[in-house]
Protein backbone atom coordinates (compact mmCIF):
# COMPACT_ATOMS: atom_id res chain seq x y z
CA MET A 1 -7.07 23.00 -10.52
CA ALA A 2 -3.35 21.95 -9.75
CA ASP A 3 -3.76 23.79 -6.46
CA GLU A 4 -5.76 21.05 -4.69
CA LEU A 5 -4.87 17.01 -4.40
CA HIS A 6 -7.73 14.76 -4.89
CA ILE A 7 -6.53 11.68 -2.97
CA VAL A 8 -8.53 8.34 -1.49
CA GLY A 9 -7.84 8.38 2.26
CA PHE A 10 -7.52 4.52 3.74
CA GLN A 11 -6.49 3.16 6.66
CA VAL A 12 -3.75 0.96 7.31
CA GLY A 13 -3.12 0.20 11.07
CA ARG A 14 -3.38 3.00 12.69
CA GLU A 15 -2.41 5.69 10.07
CA THR A 16 -4.24 7.41 7.30
CA TYR A 17 -2.52 6.90 3.77
CA GLY A 18 -4.01 8.31 0.48
CA VAL A 19 -3.66 7.54 -3.39
CA PRO A 20 -4.42 9.76 -6.03
CA ILE A 21 -8.13 9.44 -6.95
CA THR A 22 -7.17 9.31 -10.70
CA SER A 23 -5.47 6.15 -10.31
CA LEU A 24 -8.24 4.65 -7.98
CA HIS A 25 -10.21 2.14 -10.04
CA GLU A 26 -13.07 1.04 -7.78
CA ILE A 27 -13.56 -0.30 -4.14
CA VAL A 28 -14.66 -3.52 -3.34
CA ARG A 29 -15.52 -5.90 -0.44
CA VAL A 30 -12.57 -8.56 0.16
CA PRO A 31 -14.00 -11.91 -1.97
CA GLU A 32 -12.28 -14.86 -1.61
CA ILE A 33 -8.42 -14.87 -2.78
CA THR A 34 -7.08 -17.76 -4.73
CA VAL A 35 -3.60 -18.17 -3.58
CA VAL A 36 -0.70 -18.28 -6.00
CA PRO A 37 2.06 -20.46 -4.86
CA ASP A 38 5.64 -19.20 -4.79
CA ALA A 39 4.26 -15.70 -4.64
CA PRO A 40 5.79 -12.99 -2.26
CA VAL A 41 4.55 -13.16 1.57
CA TYR A 42 2.79 -9.52 1.13
CA LEU A 43 1.28 -10.94 -2.40
CA GLU A 44 -2.39 -12.74 -0.53
CA GLY A 45 -3.07 -14.11 -4.58
CA VAL A 46 -5.50 -13.32 -6.99
CA ILE A 47 -9.43 -12.25 -7.54
CA ASN A 48 -11.81 -12.64 -10.51
CA LEU A 49 -13.38 -9.07 -10.77
CA ARG A 50 -16.09 -9.11 -13.46
CA GLY A 51 -13.60 -11.38 -15.54
CA LYS A 52 -10.31 -9.85 -14.87
CA ILE A 53 -7.70 -11.63 -13.13
CA VAL A 54 -6.42 -9.12 -10.46
CA SER A 55 -3.53 -9.40 -8.43
CA VAL A 56 -3.68 -8.91 -4.56
CA MET A 57 -1.41 -7.09 -2.28
CA ASP A 58 -1.62 -6.85 1.59
CA LEU A 59 -0.65 -3.32 2.43
CA ARG A 60 -0.72 -4.53 6.21
CA LYS A 61 2.12 -6.98 5.00
CA ARG A 62 3.63 -4.93 2.61
CA PHE A 63 4.41 -2.24 5.49
CA GLY A 64 5.71 -4.67 8.00
CA GLU A 65 1.98 -4.00 10.55
CA LYS A 66 0.72 -6.42 12.58
CA GLN A 67 -1.31 -9.23 11.02
CA VAL A 68 -4.97 -9.15 12.05
CA ALA A 69 -7.52 -11.42 10.71
CA LEU A 70 -10.02 -9.73 7.80
CA ASN A 71 -12.83 -8.18 9.10
CA LYS A 72 -16.56 -6.83 7.71
CA GLN A 73 -14.34 -3.09 7.14
CA ASN A 74 -11.43 -4.79 5.40
CA ARG A 75 -11.75 -3.37 1.66
CA ILE A 76 -10.00 -3.84 -1.68
CA LEU A 77 -8.32 -0.57 -3.53
CA VAL A 78 -8.61 -1.50 -7.18
CA VAL A 79 -6.09 0.56 -8.67
CA GLU A 80 -4.98 1.20 -12.33
CA HIS A 81 -1.23 0.88 -12.43
CA SER A 82 0.83 0.46 -15.88
CA GLY A 83 -2.52 -0.31 -17.41
CA LYS A 84 -3.44 -3.40 -15.34
CA LEU A 85 -5.64 -3.52 -12.22
CA ALA A 86 -4.25 -4.46 -8.96
CA GLY A 87 -5.86 -4.78 -5.48
CA LEU A 88 -4.95 -3.55 -2.04
CA ILE A 89 -6.13 -4.88 0.90
CA VAL A 90 -6.77 -1.96 3.53
CA ASP A 91 -8.43 -2.27 7.33
CA SER A 92 -11.25 0.34 5.69
CA ALA A 93 -11.52 2.89 3.16
CA SER A 94 -12.32 6.20 4.68
CA GLU A 95 -13.18 9.06 2.37
CA VAL A 96 -12.25 11.49 -0.72
CA LEU A 97 -10.05 14.24 0.86
CA LYS A 98 -9.40 17.57 -0.95
CA ILE A 99 -6.00 18.45 0.02
CA PRO A 100 -4.41 22.40 -0.85
CA ALA A 101 -0.98 21.97 -2.46
CA ALA A 102 0.21 24.12 0.17
CA ASP A 103 -0.66 21.63 2.59
CA VAL A 104 2.03 18.94 0.89
CA GLU A 105 5.11 18.25 2.05
CA ALA A 106 7.71 16.08 0.28
CA ALA A 107 8.48 12.73 2.37
CA PRO A 108 10.99 13.41 4.87
CA SER A 109 14.55 11.51 3.56
CA VAL A 110 14.10 8.67 6.21
CA PHE A 111 11.39 6.89 4.20
CA GLN A 112 13.98 6.49 1.42
CA GLU A 113 16.41 5.18 3.77
CA GLY A 114 14.31 3.31 5.45
CA GLY A 115 13.21 1.20 2.44
CA LEU A 116 9.91 3.16 2.29
CA ASN A 117 10.61 4.99 -1.48
CA CYS A 118 6.80 4.36 -1.94
CA VAL A 119 6.30 7.60 0.05
CA SER A 120 5.65 10.57 -2.24
CA GLY A 121 4.62 13.09 0.32
CA LEU A 122 2.85 13.90 3.61
CA GLY A 123 -0.86 15.88 3.40
CA LYS A 124 -1.84 17.93 6.63
CA VAL A 125 -5.72 17.42 7.07
CA ASN A 126 -7.39 18.59 9.46
CA GLY A 127 -4.44 18.73 12.18
CA ARG A 128 -3.33 15.19 11.01
CA LEU A 129 -0.70 13.60 8.23
CA VAL A 130 -1.93 11.71 5.92
CA VAL A 131 0.60 9.52 4.14
CA LEU A 132 0.71 10.02 -0.06
CA LEU A 133 1.87 7.02 -1.71
CA ASP A 134 3.26 6.80 -4.86
CA MET A 135 1.78 3.84 -7.21
CA ASN A 136 4.16 3.45 -9.31
CA LYS A 137 6.89 2.78 -6.66
CA LEU A 138 4.90 0.80 -4.67
CA LEU A 139 3.47 -1.59 -7.28
CA ALA A 140 6.69 -1.80 -9.33
CA PRO A 141 7.65 -5.21 -9.68
CA GLY A 142 11.10 -4.55 -9.47
CA SER A 143 10.93 -2.77 -5.87
CA LEU A 144 8.81 -5.61 -5.15
CA LEU A 145 11.08 -8.19 -5.87
CA SER A 146 14.16 -6.66 -4.40
CA ALA A 147 12.74 -6.40 -1.59
CA GLU A 148 11.20 -9.93 -1.14
CA ARG A 149 14.88 -11.68 -2.23
CA THR A 150 16.33 -9.47 0.39
CA LYS A 151 14.32 -11.44 3.09
CA LYS A 152 14.37 -14.08 1.18
CA SER A 153 18.69 -14.50 0.86
CA LYS A 154 19.21 -14.56 5.05
CA PRO A 155 17.38 -17.17 7.47
CA ALA A 156 14.23 -15.74 9.13
CA VAL A 157 15.05 -14.75 12.17
CA GLN A 158 12.43 -13.46 15.15
CA GLY A 159 13.16 -10.11 15.87
CA GLU A 160 15.41 -9.55 12.81
CA ALA A 161 12.92 -7.28 10.78
CA ARG A 162 13.40 -3.77 10.13
CA GLY A 163 17.16 -3.62 10.03
CA ALA A 164 18.09 -5.05 13.12
CA SER A 165 21.56 -6.81 13.06
CA ALA A 166 22.09 -10.12 14.92
CA SER A 167 25.45 -9.89 16.25
């Protein structure tokens, strides 16, 4: 069925995001996470998922959202990327959405310019927009490390995030 996208919808902050259901391995409650030294700030650590070590990324931190304490609604979406499993901490996993291909638009160029090159498109579902994420770009080690190096190369100054210059 190429005329319909099947995605798993989830919340991060106020927004609804989606990843292709084909990349989803499972959804689990947030277990104890083992912290890894010298990891990027958005990488929470690793978990042991039935004998497999899975790295876990906090999508709130990755997307620059306000931090909130984890609660019972939080879930980890375990996705498969390049033959490896990765976990994404989300505020809540909502539903499986079926979006007609005609209701999906390419990501506006402003996303590419703003460094959010992991957005593959926007889906229209019941009058709301769902931000569709490209797993290859979201989890690509090169893009994650370069984003982290950019942050580390300058001293951290409050209010400087999001590209504002301190002149």
